[in-house]
């Protein structure tokens, strides 16, 4: 009888198919890792942007006089979280207002099609991997600055700082009839505003600091180096802009002469008390330094017209700060 003999190498039949199947699993796994990791990173970046924007907006909202409600903070955080998502949908898990001077926002995934709280279109699902939920957290703080740059070379009297949301006419110092203060010697200090000496005597910028003294500018008009700033034909962007301006508590009048001299003319100094946000709507100064579209000033009046309002200042222009309210200027920043 004829015997069937099996070739020794025939035991390897089908091994190639097994290897292909194994390699397919490896390739699918690698593809899932590459594609899904990219999707997760992209989702996390969107959520982080939304958390950052929500925290900063919440801090801006809550820093104003009177603070904010939880509902208002939730609403602004949700709006910005959605707008920073490609599908305009995300979940704000938490808006934490428990720490004074801070707002923390936590965001997480929300599918734009199904509203599910996870990423549903994951390549790894073919391998029976579970769906992924991504999240991000950001915390913003606000401080009331102590030292900074005023782009207008002037300082308001403390009695002129009326943060009531209404426009006010503020005349140059000595011209104010409705606003007076006193110095430490109880001498009357007329209100209004006064010009400060620009840094180095050039340009317009003045560095001022709460609790420090700032020198006046020589003369009663706009500092010569700064006249173009108030000329609307040269600098039209100044009208209706909001700026941070130092507010003084008193002058050096009545203070020790050994320290302050006569405190007259160019030797006058102003003790800075706070920073004020001021929306500049009109002004009548000298020469071409005039912008008064609604004629709020008489022909003889010199001054500024505008509204004191809460203002988030450029953090690049300010240093230091406190959580204790001073004026209505704040500096916002992310801390994590």
C-alpha atoms as a PDB file:
ATOM      1  CA  UNK A   1       0.000   0.000   0.000  1.00  0.00           C
ATOM      2  CA  UNK A   2       1.254   3.400  -0.928  1.00  0.00           C
ATOM      3  CA  UNK A   3       2.153   5.605   2.066  1.00  0.00           C
ATOM      4  CA  UNK A   4       1.529   9.348   2.018  1.00  0.00           C
ATOM      5  CA  UNK A   5       4.582  11.138   3.287  1.00  0.00           C
ATOM      6  CA  UNK A   6       4.324  14.725   4.590  1.00  0.00           C
ATOM      7  CA  UNK A   7       7.119  17.071   3.674  1.00  0.00           C
ATOM      8  CA  UNK A   8       8.860  18.426   6.787  1.00  0.00           C
ATOM      9  CA  UNK A   9       8.298  22.108   5.723  1.00  0.00           C
ATOM     10  CA  UNK A  10       4.552  21.586   5.330  1.00  0.00           C
ATOM     11  CA  UNK A  11       4.066  22.381   9.066  1.00  0.00           C
ATOM     12  CA  UNK A  12       4.631  26.032   8.262  1.00  0.00           C
ATOM     13  CA  UNK A  13       1.640  26.292   5.921  1.00  0.00           C
ATOM     14  CA  UNK A  14      -0.687  29.180   7.046  1.00  0.00           C
ATOM     15  CA  UNK A  15       2.001  30.931   9.132  1.00  0.00           C
ATOM     16  CA  UNK A  16       2.057  33.877   6.732  1.00  0.00           C
ATOM     17  CA  UNK A  17      -1.654  34.467   7.258  1.00  0.00           C
ATOM     18  CA  UNK A  18      -1.225  34.527  11.023  1.00  0.00           C
ATOM     19  CA  UNK A  19       1.648  36.978  10.736  1.00  0.00           C
ATOM     20  CA  UNK A  20      -0.381  39.238   8.460  1.00  0.00           C
ATOM     21  CA  UNK A  21      -3.264  39.198  10.923  1.00  0.00           C
ATOM     22  CA  UNK A  22      -0.948  40.061  13.812  1.00  0.00           C
ATOM     23  CA  UNK A  23       0.695  42.835  11.811  1.00  0.00           C
ATOM     24  CA  UNK A  24      -2.714  44.230  10.886  1.00  0.00           C
ATOM     25  CA  UNK A  25      -3.562  44.519  14.570  1.00  0.00           C
ATOM     26  CA  UNK A  26      -0.256  46.264  15.206  1.00  0.00           C
ATOM     27  CA  UNK A  27      -0.835  48.645  12.299  1.00  0.00           C
ATOM     28  CA  UNK A  28      -4.383  49.362  13.425  1.00  0.00           C
ATOM     29  CA  UNK A  29      -3.123  50.039  16.926  1.00  0.00           C
ATOM     30  CA  UNK A  30      -0.394  52.345  15.666  1.00  0.00           C
ATOM     31  CA  UNK A  31      -2.857  54.146  13.398  1.00  0.00           C
ATOM     32  CA  UNK A  32      -5.323  54.525  16.237  1.00  0.00           C
ATOM     33  CA  UNK A  33      -2.599  55.884  18.479  1.00  0.00           C
ATOM     34  CA  UNK A  34      -1.472  58.424  15.887  1.00  0.00           C
ATOM     35  CA  UNK A  35      -4.904  59.583  14.747  1.00  0.00           C
ATOM     36  CA  UNK A  36      -6.642  59.545  18.104  1.00  0.00           C
ATOM     37  CA  UNK A  37      -3.733  61.161  19.943  1.00  0.00           C
ATOM     38  CA  UNK A  38      -3.821  63.998  17.425  1.00  0.00           C
ATOM     39  CA  UNK A  39      -7.561  64.366  17.910  1.00  0.00           C
ATOM     40  CA  UNK A  40      -7.199  64.381  21.695  1.00  0.00           C
ATOM     41  CA  UNK A  41      -4.445  67.014  21.579  1.00  0.00           C
ATOM     42  CA  UNK A  42      -6.529  69.185  19.244  1.00  0.00           C
ATOM     43  CA  UNK A  43      -9.558  68.849  21.519  1.00  0.00           C
ATOM     44  CA  UNK A  44      -7.496  69.669  24.598  1.00  0.00           C
ATOM     45  CA  UNK A  45      -6.061  72.783  22.898  1.00  0.00           C
ATOM     46  CA  UNK A  46      -9.565  74.037  22.082  1.00  0.00           C
ATOM     47  CA  UNK A  47     -10.771  73.330  25.609  1.00  0.00           C
ATOM     48  CA  UNK A  48      -7.733  75.059  27.100  1.00  0.00           C
ATOM     49  CA  UNK A  49      -8.314  78.131  24.940  1.00  0.00           C
ATOM     50  CA  UNK A  50     -11.928  78.158  26.067  1.00  0.00           C
ATOM     51  CA  UNK A  51     -10.972  77.791  29.734  1.00  0.00           C
ATOM     52  CA  UNK A  52      -8.354  80.554  29.421  1.00  0.00           C
ATOM     53  CA  UNK A  53     -10.757  82.932  27.697  1.00  0.00           C
ATOM     54  CA  UNK A  54     -13.572  82.110  30.124  1.00  0.00           C
ATOM     55  CA  UNK A  55     -11.372  82.648  33.178  1.00  0.00           C
ATOM     56  CA  UNK A  56     -10.068  86.005  31.888  1.00  0.00           C
ATOM     57  CA  UNK A  57     -13.554  87.192  30.939  1.00  0.00           C
ATOM     58  CA  UNK A  58     -14.894  86.065  34.299  1.00  0.00           C
ATOM     59  CA  UNK A  59     -12.117  87.932  36.104  1.00  0.00           C
ATOM     60  CA  UNK A  60     -12.850  91.039  34.051  1.00  0.00           C
ATOM     61  CA  UNK A  61     -16.547  90.758  34.907  1.00  0.00           C
ATOM     62  CA  UNK A  62     -16.058  90.055  38.604  1.00  0.00           C
ATOM     63  CA  UNK A  63     -13.430  92.752  39.145  1.00  0.00           C
ATOM     64  CA  UNK A  64     -15.871  95.618  38.620  1.00  0.00           C
ATOM     65  CA  UNK A  65     -17.386  97.462  41.545  1.00  0.00           C
ATOM     66  CA  UNK A  66     -20.035  95.260  43.132  1.00  0.00           C
ATOM     67  CA  UNK A  67     -18.537  92.048  41.801  1.00  0.00           C
ATOM     68  CA  UNK A  68     -20.506  89.476  39.810  1.00  0.00           C
ATOM     69  CA  UNK A  69     -23.051  86.732  40.342  1.00  0.00           C
ATOM     70  CA  UNK A  70     -22.330  83.044  39.854  1.00  0.00           C
ATOM     71  CA  UNK A  71     -24.917  82.948  37.075  1.00  0.00           C
ATOM     72  CA  UNK A  72     -23.248  85.794  35.158  1.00  0.00           C
ATOM     73  CA  UNK A  73     -19.808  84.216  35.531  1.00  0.00           C
ATOM     74  CA  UNK A  74     -21.186  80.871  34.338  1.00  0.00           C
ATOM     75  CA  UNK A  75     -22.787  82.501  31.298  1.00  0.00           C
ATOM     76  CA  UNK A  76     -19.683  84.355  30.109  1.00  0.00           C
ATOM     77  CA  UNK A  77     -17.505  81.269  30.638  1.00  0.00           C
ATOM     78  CA  UNK A  78     -19.892  79.062  28.650  1.00  0.00           C
ATOM     79  CA  UNK A  79     -20.086  81.558  25.779  1.00  0.00           C
ATOM     80  CA  UNK A  80     -16.314  81.758  25.405  1.00  0.00           C
ATOM     81  CA  UNK A  81     -15.816  78.024  25.872  1.00  0.00           C
ATOM     82  CA  UNK A  82     -18.217  77.386  22.990  1.00  0.00           C
ATOM     83  CA  UNK A  83     -16.699  80.031  20.716  1.00  0.00           C
ATOM     84  CA  UNK A  84     -13.243  78.489  21.134  1.00  0.00           C
ATOM     85  CA  UNK A  85     -14.461  75.045  20.038  1.00  0.00           C
ATOM     86  CA  UNK A  86     -14.468  74.075  16.365  1.00  0.00           C
ATOM     87  CA  UNK A  87     -18.012  72.719  16.651  1.00  0.00           C
ATOM     88  CA  UNK A  88     -19.124  75.598  18.947  1.00  0.00           C
ATOM     89  CA  UNK A  89     -19.919  73.189  21.756  1.00  0.00           C
ATOM     90  CA  UNK A  90     -18.151  72.325  24.992  1.00  0.00           C
ATOM     91  CA  UNK A  91     -19.083  71.739  28.606  1.00  0.00           C
ATOM     92  CA  UNK A  92     -18.173  74.107  31.418  1.00  0.00           C
ATOM     93  CA  UNK A  93     -17.911  71.765  34.372  1.00  0.00           C
ATOM     94  CA  UNK A  94     -17.130  74.415  36.985  1.00  0.00           C
ATOM     95  CA  UNK A  95     -16.704  78.165  37.447  1.00  0.00           C
ATOM     96  CA  UNK A  96     -15.061  78.584  40.845  1.00  0.00           C
ATOM     97  CA  UNK A  97     -15.318  81.993  42.555  1.00  0.00           C
ATOM     98  CA  UNK A  98     -14.333  80.780  46.017  1.00  0.00           C
ATOM     99  CA  UNK A  99     -10.901  82.471  46.075  1.00  0.00           C
ATOM    100  CA  UNK A 100     -10.914  86.263  46.372  1.00  0.00           C
ATOM    101  CA  UNK A 101      -9.568  87.948  43.273  1.00  0.00           C
ATOM    102  CA  UNK A 102      -9.602  84.774  41.171  1.00  0.00           C
ATOM    103  CA  UNK A 103     -11.839  82.905  38.739  1.00  0.00           C
ATOM    104  CA  UNK A 104     -11.184  79.268  37.807  1.00  0.00           C
ATOM    105  CA  UNK A 105     -12.906  77.620  34.845  1.00  0.00           C
ATOM    106  CA  UNK A 106     -12.917  73.893  34.047  1.00  0.00           C
ATOM    107  CA  UNK A 107     -14.058  72.730  30.605  1.00  0.00           C
ATOM    108  CA  UNK A 108     -14.600  69.280  29.118  1.00  0.00           C
ATOM    109  CA  UNK A 109     -15.598  67.592  25.876  1.00  0.00           C
ATOM    110  CA  UNK A 110     -19.045  67.937  24.360  1.00  0.00           C
ATOM    111  CA  UNK A 111     -19.638  66.295  20.995  1.00  0.00           C
ATOM    112  CA  UNK A 112     -21.026  68.806  18.528  1.00  0.00           C
ATOM    113  CA  UNK A 113     -23.305  66.246  16.875  1.00  0.00           C
ATOM    114  CA  UNK A 114     -24.507  63.945  19.662  1.00  0.00           C
ATOM    115  CA  UNK A 115     -23.929  66.231  22.692  1.00  0.00           C
ATOM    116  CA  UNK A 116     -22.127  63.294  24.286  1.00  0.00           C
ATOM    117  CA  UNK A 117     -19.503  64.084  26.877  1.00  0.00           C
ATOM    118  CA  UNK A 118     -16.774  62.211  25.047  1.00  0.00           C
ATOM    119  CA  UNK A 119     -15.067  62.006  21.674  1.00  0.00           C
ATOM    120  CA  UNK A 120     -17.227  59.573  19.711  1.00  0.00           C
ATOM    121  CA  UNK A 121     -15.418  59.302  16.359  1.00  0.00           C
ATOM    122  CA  UNK A 122     -12.326  57.560  17.640  1.00  0.00           C
ATOM    123  CA  UNK A 123     -10.301  55.268  15.362  1.00  0.00           C
ATOM    124  CA  UNK A 124      -9.455  53.070  18.345  1.00  0.00           C
ATOM    125  CA  UNK A 125     -13.110  52.058  18.638  1.00  0.00           C
ATOM    126  CA  UNK A 126     -12.431  49.342  16.048  1.00  0.00           C
ATOM    127  CA  UNK A 127     -10.240  47.766  18.712  1.00  0.00           C
ATOM    128  CA  UNK A 128     -13.053  48.051  21.267  1.00  0.00           C
ATOM    129  CA  UNK A 129     -11.253  50.873  23.102  1.00  0.00           C
ATOM    130  CA  UNK A 130     -13.470  53.051  25.351  1.00  0.00           C
ATOM    131  CA  UNK A 131     -14.391  56.632  24.296  1.00  0.00           C
ATOM    132  CA  UNK A 132     -12.185  59.478  25.522  1.00  0.00           C
ATOM    133  CA  UNK A 133     -13.187  62.494  27.604  1.00  0.00           C
ATOM    134  CA  UNK A 134     -10.814  65.470  27.572  1.00  0.00           C
ATOM    135  CA  UNK A 135     -10.721  68.424  29.970  1.00  0.00           C
ATOM    136  CA  UNK A 136      -8.819  71.623  30.787  1.00  0.00           C
ATOM    137  CA  UNK A 137      -8.634  74.126  33.636  1.00  0.00           C
ATOM    138  CA  UNK A 138      -7.525  77.758  33.806  1.00  0.00           C
ATOM    139  CA  UNK A 139      -7.345  80.301  36.637  1.00  0.00           C
ATOM    140  CA  UNK A 140      -7.236  84.051  36.138  1.00  0.00           C
ATOM    141  CA  UNK A 141      -6.645  86.718  38.753  1.00  0.00           C
ATOM    142  CA  UNK A 142      -7.059  90.454  38.935  1.00  0.00           C
ATOM    143  CA  UNK A 143      -5.048  93.000  40.850  1.00  0.00           C
ATOM    144  CA  UNK A 144      -5.420  96.704  41.455  1.00  0.00           C
ATOM    145  CA  UNK A 145      -2.078  98.022  40.152  1.00  0.00           C
ATOM    146  CA  UNK A 146       0.252 100.218  42.160  1.00  0.00           C
ATOM    147  CA  UNK A 147       2.809 101.374  39.600  1.00  0.00           C
ATOM    148  CA  UNK A 148       2.344 101.935  35.905  1.00  0.00           C
ATOM    149  CA  UNK A 149       2.536 104.123  32.841  1.00  0.00           C
ATOM    150  CA  UNK A 150      -0.009 106.820  32.171  1.00  0.00           C
ATOM    151  CA  UNK A 151      -0.181 107.613  28.456  1.00  0.00           C
ATOM    152  CA  UNK A 152      -1.738 110.965  29.349  1.00  0.00           C
ATOM    153  CA  UNK A 153       0.610 113.252  31.319  1.00  0.00           C
ATOM    154  CA  UNK A 154      -1.917 114.302  33.929  1.00  0.00           C
ATOM    155  CA  UNK A 155      -3.446 113.428  37.291  1.00  0.00           C
ATOM    156  CA  UNK A 156      -7.013 113.894  38.527  1.00  0.00           C
ATOM    157  CA  UNK A 157      -7.931 115.271  41.942  1.00  0.00           C
ATOM    158  CA  UNK A 158      -9.460 112.622  44.167  1.00  0.00           C
ATOM    159  CA  UNK A 159     -12.702 114.565  44.528  1.00  0.00           C
ATOM    160  CA  UNK A 160     -13.188 114.458  40.742  1.00  0.00           C
ATOM    161  CA  UNK A 161     -13.123 110.657  40.656  1.00  0.00           C
ATOM    162  CA  UNK A 162     -16.856 109.901  40.496  1.00  0.00           C
ATOM    163  CA  UNK A 163     -17.380 106.405  39.120  1.00  0.00           C
ATOM    164  CA  UNK A 164     -21.100 106.683  38.413  1.00  0.00           C
ATOM    165  CA  UNK A 165     -21.191 105.791  34.725  1.00  0.00           C
ATOM    166  CA  UNK A 166     -22.020 109.363  33.737  1.00  0.00           C
ATOM    167  CA  UNK A 167     -19.814 111.814  31.796  1.00  0.00           C
ATOM    168  CA  UNK A 168     -18.198 114.630  33.771  1.00  0.00           C
ATOM    169  CA  UNK A 169     -16.508 117.886  32.864  1.00  0.00           C
ATOM    170  CA  UNK A 170     -13.162 118.152  34.680  1.00  0.00           C
ATOM    171  CA  UNK A 171     -11.529 121.586  34.413  1.00  0.00           C
ATOM    172  CA  UNK A 172      -7.845 122.326  34.900  1.00  0.00           C
ATOM    173  CA  UNK A 173      -6.763 122.755  38.484  1.00  0.00           C
ATOM    174  CA  UNK A 174      -7.974 126.024  39.947  1.00  0.00           C
ATOM    175  CA  UNK A 175     -10.853 126.196  37.513  1.00  0.00           C
ATOM    176  CA  UNK A 176     -13.019 123.670  39.353  1.00  0.00           C
ATOM    177  CA  UNK A 177     -15.795 125.182  41.442  1.00  0.00           C
ATOM    178  CA  UNK A 178     -17.528 122.015  42.595  1.00  0.00           C
ATOM    179  CA  UNK A 179     -14.619 119.950  43.852  1.00  0.00           C
ATOM    180  CA  UNK A 180     -12.114 120.730  46.594  1.00  0.00           C
ATOM    181  CA  UNK A 181      -9.985 118.628  48.896  1.00  0.00           C
ATOM    182  CA  UNK A 182      -7.584 119.232  51.743  1.00  0.00           C
ATOM    183  CA  UNK A 183      -3.944 118.374  52.372  1.00  0.00           C
ATOM    184  CA  UNK A 184      -2.537 116.921  55.616  1.00  0.00           C
ATOM    185  CA  UNK A 185      -2.338 120.485  57.008  1.00  0.00           C
ATOM    186  CA  UNK A 186      -6.062 120.905  56.253  1.00  0.00           C
ATOM    187  CA  UNK A 187      -5.414 123.489  53.563  1.00  0.00           C
ATOM    188  CA  UNK A 188      -7.919 123.670  50.719  1.00  0.00           C
ATOM    189  CA  UNK A 189      -6.727 122.041  47.491  1.00  0.00           C
ATOM    190  CA  UNK A 190      -8.817 122.921  44.436  1.00  0.00           C
ATOM    191  CA  UNK A 191      -9.988 120.021  42.320  1.00  0.00           C
ATOM    192  CA  UNK A 192      -9.751 119.444  38.606  1.00  0.00           C
ATOM    193  CA  UNK A 193      -6.657 117.917  37.054  1.00  0.00           C
ATOM    194  CA  UNK A 194      -3.013 118.893  36.783  1.00  0.00           C
ATOM    195  CA  UNK A 195      -0.316 118.232  34.187  1.00  0.00           C
ATOM    196  CA  UNK A 196       2.579 115.981  35.143  1.00  0.00           C
ATOM    197  CA  UNK A 197       6.142 116.079  33.880  1.00  0.00           C
ATOM    198  CA  UNK A 198       6.632 113.441  31.151  1.00  0.00           C
ATOM    199  CA  UNK A 199       9.448 111.016  31.893  1.00  0.00           C
ATOM    200  CA  UNK A 200      12.763 112.525  30.885  1.00  0.00           C
ATOM    201  CA  UNK A 201      10.928 115.647  29.738  1.00  0.00           C
ATOM    202  CA  UNK A 202      10.136 114.029  26.385  1.00  0.00           C
ATOM    203  CA  UNK A 203       7.073 112.381  24.866  1.00  0.00           C
ATOM    204  CA  UNK A 204       3.887 111.970  26.899  1.00  0.00           C
ATOM    205  CA  UNK A 205       4.278 108.916  29.146  1.00  0.00           C
ATOM    206  CA  UNK A 206       4.439 109.352  32.898  1.00  0.00           C
ATOM    207  CA  UNK A 207       5.371 106.610  35.357  1.00  0.00           C
ATOM    208  CA  UNK A 208       3.299 107.043  38.521  1.00  0.00           C
ATOM    209  CA  UNK A 209       3.044 104.936  41.657  1.00  0.00           C
ATOM    210  CA  UNK A 210       0.515 104.780  44.464  1.00  0.00           C
ATOM    211  CA  UNK A 211       2.000 106.129  47.669  1.00  0.00           C
ATOM    212  CA  UNK A 212       4.647 108.150  45.794  1.00  0.00           C
ATOM    213  CA  UNK A 213       4.953 111.744  44.639  1.00  0.00           C
ATOM    214  CA  UNK A 214       4.847 112.893  41.012  1.00  0.00           C
ATOM    215  CA  UNK A 215       6.201 116.234  39.750  1.00  0.00           C
ATOM    216  CA  UNK A 216       4.074 118.766  37.945  1.00  0.00           C
ATOM    217  CA  UNK A 217       4.833 119.963  34.447  1.00  0.00           C
ATOM    218  CA  UNK A 218       6.088 123.540  34.120  1.00  0.00           C
ATOM    219  CA  UNK A 219       3.389 125.904  32.887  1.00  0.00           C
ATOM    220  CA  UNK A 220      -0.383 125.622  32.917  1.00  0.00           C
ATOM    221  CA  UNK A 221      -0.868 124.070  29.484  1.00  0.00           C
ATOM    222  CA  UNK A 222      -0.224 120.733  27.808  1.00  0.00           C
ATOM    223  CA  UNK A 223       3.469 119.768  28.070  1.00  0.00           C
ATOM    224  CA  UNK A 224       5.205 120.916  24.885  1.00  0.00           C
ATOM    225  CA  UNK A 225       6.432 117.407  24.082  1.00  0.00           C
ATOM    226  CA  UNK A 226       2.871 116.116  24.143  1.00  0.00           C
ATOM    227  CA  UNK A 227       0.803 118.687  22.289  1.00  0.00           C
ATOM    228  CA  UNK A 228       0.351 116.448  19.209  1.00  0.00           C
ATOM    229  CA  UNK A 229      -1.288 113.752  21.337  1.00  0.00           C
ATOM    230  CA  UNK A 230      -4.320 116.004  21.829  1.00  0.00           C
ATOM    231  CA  UNK A 231      -4.481 117.241  18.238  1.00  0.00           C
ATOM    232  CA  UNK A 232      -7.358 115.238  16.669  1.00  0.00           C
ATOM    233  CA  UNK A 233      -6.057 115.793  13.139  1.00  0.00           C
ATOM    234  CA  UNK A 234      -2.753 114.132  14.109  1.00  0.00           C
ATOM    235  CA  UNK A 235      -4.024 111.600  16.643  1.00  0.00           C
ATOM    236  CA  UNK A 236      -7.699 110.797  15.906  1.00  0.00           C
ATOM    237  CA  UNK A 237      -7.581 107.567  17.938  1.00  0.00           C
ATOM    238  CA  UNK A 238      -7.520 109.419  21.271  1.00  0.00           C
ATOM    239  CA  UNK A 239     -11.186 110.444  21.074  1.00  0.00           C
ATOM    240  CA  UNK A 240     -13.456 108.005  22.946  1.00  0.00           C
ATOM    241  CA  UNK A 241     -10.529 105.828  24.040  1.00  0.00           C
ATOM    242  CA  UNK A 242     -10.258 104.607  27.637  1.00  0.00           C
ATOM    243  CA  UNK A 243      -6.986 105.112  29.483  1.00  0.00           C
ATOM    244  CA  UNK A 244      -5.596 104.621  32.977  1.00  0.00           C
ATOM    245  CA  UNK A 245      -4.849 107.902  34.756  1.00  0.00           C
ATOM    246  CA  UNK A 246      -3.354 108.426  38.242  1.00  0.00           C
ATOM    247  CA  UNK A 247      -5.469 110.154  40.884  1.00  0.00           C
ATOM    248  CA  UNK A 248      -3.804 112.354  43.508  1.00  0.00           C
ATOM    249  CA  UNK A 249      -4.852 112.736  47.128  1.00  0.00           C
ATOM    250  CA  UNK A 250      -3.183 116.084  47.822  1.00  0.00           C
ATOM    251  CA  UNK A 251      -0.306 118.306  46.766  1.00  0.00           C
ATOM    252  CA  UNK A 252       2.833 119.188  48.676  1.00  0.00           C
ATOM    253  CA  UNK A 253       1.334 122.501  49.832  1.00  0.00           C
ATOM    254  CA  UNK A 254       1.770 122.769  53.589  1.00  0.00           C
ATOM    255  CA  UNK A 255       4.307 119.945  53.662  1.00  0.00           C
ATOM    256  CA  UNK A 256       7.840 120.387  55.124  1.00  0.00           C
ATOM    257  CA  UNK A 257       9.797 122.878  53.029  1.00  0.00           C
ATOM    258  CA  UNK A 258      13.020 120.961  53.694  1.00  0.00           C
ATOM    259  CA  UNK A 259      11.609 118.098  51.652  1.00  0.00           C
ATOM    260  CA  UNK A 260       9.377 119.853  49.129  1.00  0.00           C
ATOM    261  CA  UNK A 261      10.715 123.374  48.860  1.00  0.00           C
ATOM    262  CA  UNK A 262       8.185 126.094  48.152  1.00  0.00           C
ATOM    263  CA  UNK A 263       5.741 123.728  46.459  1.00  0.00           C
ATOM    264  CA  UNK A 264       5.036 126.385  43.863  1.00  0.00           C
ATOM    265  CA  UNK A 265       5.477 126.486  40.120  1.00  0.00           C
ATOM    266  CA  UNK A 266       7.584 123.635  38.772  1.00  0.00           C
ATOM    267  CA  UNK A 267       8.332 122.323  42.295  1.00  0.00           C
ATOM    268  CA  UNK A 268       4.721 121.245  42.959  1.00  0.00           C
ATOM    269  CA  UNK A 269       4.302 117.528  43.599  1.00  0.00           C
ATOM    270  CA  UNK A 270       1.211 115.326  43.791  1.00  0.00           C
ATOM    271  CA  UNK A 271       0.724 112.385  46.131  1.00  0.00           C
ATOM    272  CA  UNK A 272      -0.732 109.554  44.041  1.00  0.00           C
ATOM    273  CA  UNK A 273      -3.573 107.621  45.699  1.00  0.00           C
ATOM    274  CA  UNK A 274      -5.100 105.365  43.038  1.00  0.00           C
ATOM    275  CA  UNK A 275      -5.581 104.682  39.320  1.00  0.00           C
ATOM    276  CA  UNK A 276      -8.744 105.581  37.432  1.00  0.00           C
ATOM    277  CA  UNK A 277     -10.109 104.341  34.130  1.00  0.00           C
ATOM    278  CA  UNK A 278     -11.305 107.322  32.095  1.00  0.00           C
ATOM    279  CA  UNK A 279     -13.069 107.338  28.716  1.00  0.00           C
ATOM    280  CA  UNK A 280     -12.003 110.589  27.086  1.00  0.00           C
ATOM    281  CA  UNK A 281     -14.934 111.979  25.066  1.00  0.00           C
ATOM    282  CA  UNK A 282     -13.996 115.647  24.579  1.00  0.00           C
ATOM    283  CA  UNK A 283     -11.359 118.191  25.560  1.00  0.00           C
ATOM    284  CA  UNK A 284     -10.591 121.870  25.237  1.00  0.00           C
ATOM    285  CA  UNK A 285      -6.967 122.740  25.936  1.00  0.00           C
ATOM    286  CA  UNK A 286      -4.619 125.039  24.002  1.00  0.00           C
ATOM    287  CA  UNK A 287      -4.244 125.800  20.289  1.00  0.00           C
ATOM    288  CA  UNK A 288      -5.100 122.783  18.144  1.00  0.00           C
ATOM    289  CA  UNK A 289      -5.446 120.565  21.217  1.00  0.00           C
ATOM    290  CA  UNK A 290      -9.208 120.637  21.100  1.00  0.00           C
ATOM    291  CA  UNK A 291     -11.896 118.058  20.384  1.00  0.00           C
ATOM    292  CA  UNK A 292     -15.412 119.124  21.371  1.00  0.00           C
ATOM    293  CA  UNK A 293     -17.985 117.777  18.883  1.00  0.00           C
ATOM    294  CA  UNK A 294     -20.984 118.504  21.142  1.00  0.00           C
ATOM    295  CA  UNK A 295     -19.757 121.870  22.507  1.00  0.00           C
ATOM    296  CA  UNK A 296     -19.654 120.935  26.180  1.00  0.00           C
ATOM    297  CA  UNK A 297     -17.028 123.619  26.894  1.00  0.00           C
ATOM    298  CA  UNK A 298     -17.527 127.355  26.826  1.00  0.00           C
ATOM    299  CA  UNK A 299     -14.979 129.456  24.960  1.00  0.00           C
ATOM    300  CA  UNK A 300     -13.092 130.238  28.181  1.00  0.00           C
ATOM    301  CA  UNK A 301     -13.076 126.779  29.740  1.00  0.00           C
ATOM    302  CA  UNK A 302     -10.056 124.468  29.646  1.00  0.00           C
ATOM    303  CA  UNK A 303     -10.519 120.874  30.623  1.00  0.00           C
ATOM    304  CA  UNK A 304     -11.481 117.305  29.839  1.00  0.00           C
ATOM    305  CA  UNK A 305     -14.858 115.649  29.425  1.00  0.00           C
ATOM    306  CA  UNK A 306     -15.436 111.949  29.878  1.00  0.00           C
ATOM    307  CA  UNK A 307     -16.657 109.030  31.948  1.00  0.00           C
ATOM    308  CA  UNK A 308     -14.871 107.224  34.753  1.00  0.00           C
ATOM    309  CA  UNK A 309     -15.262 103.492  34.125  1.00  0.00           C
ATOM    310  CA  UNK A 310     -13.770 100.176  35.049  1.00  0.00           C
ATOM    311  CA  UNK A 311     -10.763  99.440  32.886  1.00  0.00           C
ATOM    312  CA  UNK A 312      -8.586  96.377  32.315  1.00  0.00           C
ATOM    313  CA  UNK A 313      -5.143  97.846  31.729  1.00  0.00           C
ATOM    314  CA  UNK A 314      -2.298  96.458  29.652  1.00  0.00           C
ATOM    315  CA  UNK A 315      -0.289  94.240  32.051  1.00  0.00           C
ATOM    316  CA  UNK A 316       2.854  95.224  30.139  1.00  0.00           C
ATOM    317  CA  UNK A 317       2.462  98.795  31.433  1.00  0.00           C
ATOM    318  CA  UNK A 318       1.903  97.988  35.116  1.00  0.00           C
ATOM    319  CA  UNK A 319       3.751  96.266  37.946  1.00  0.00           C
ATOM    320  CA  UNK A 320       2.849  95.355  41.495  1.00  0.00           C
ATOM    321  CA  UNK A 321      -0.705  95.243  42.692  1.00  0.00           C
ATOM    322  CA  UNK A 322      -3.085  94.314  45.463  1.00  0.00           C
ATOM    323  CA  UNK A 323      -6.404  92.517  45.791  1.00  0.00           C
ATOM    324  CA  UNK A 324      -7.585  95.430  47.933  1.00  0.00           C
ATOM    325  CA  UNK A 325      -9.656  97.770  45.741  1.00  0.00           C
ATOM    326  CA  UNK A 326      -8.208 101.213  45.164  1.00  0.00           C
ATOM    327  CA  UNK A 327      -9.430 102.809  41.935  1.00  0.00           C
ATOM    328  CA  UNK A 328     -11.299 101.123  39.110  1.00  0.00           C
ATOM    329  CA  UNK A 329      -8.295  99.987  37.063  1.00  0.00           C
ATOM    330  CA  UNK A 330      -7.352  96.322  37.201  1.00  0.00           C
ATOM    331  CA  UNK A 331      -4.715  94.146  35.572  1.00  0.00           C
ATOM    332  CA  UNK A 332      -5.801  90.659  34.514  1.00  0.00           C
ATOM    333  CA  UNK A 333      -3.580  87.618  34.089  1.00  0.00           C
ATOM    334  CA  UNK A 334      -3.600  83.836  33.944  1.00  0.00           C
ATOM    335  CA  UNK A 335      -1.826  82.083  36.801  1.00  0.00           C
ATOM    336  CA  UNK A 336      -2.429  78.491  35.640  1.00  0.00           C
END
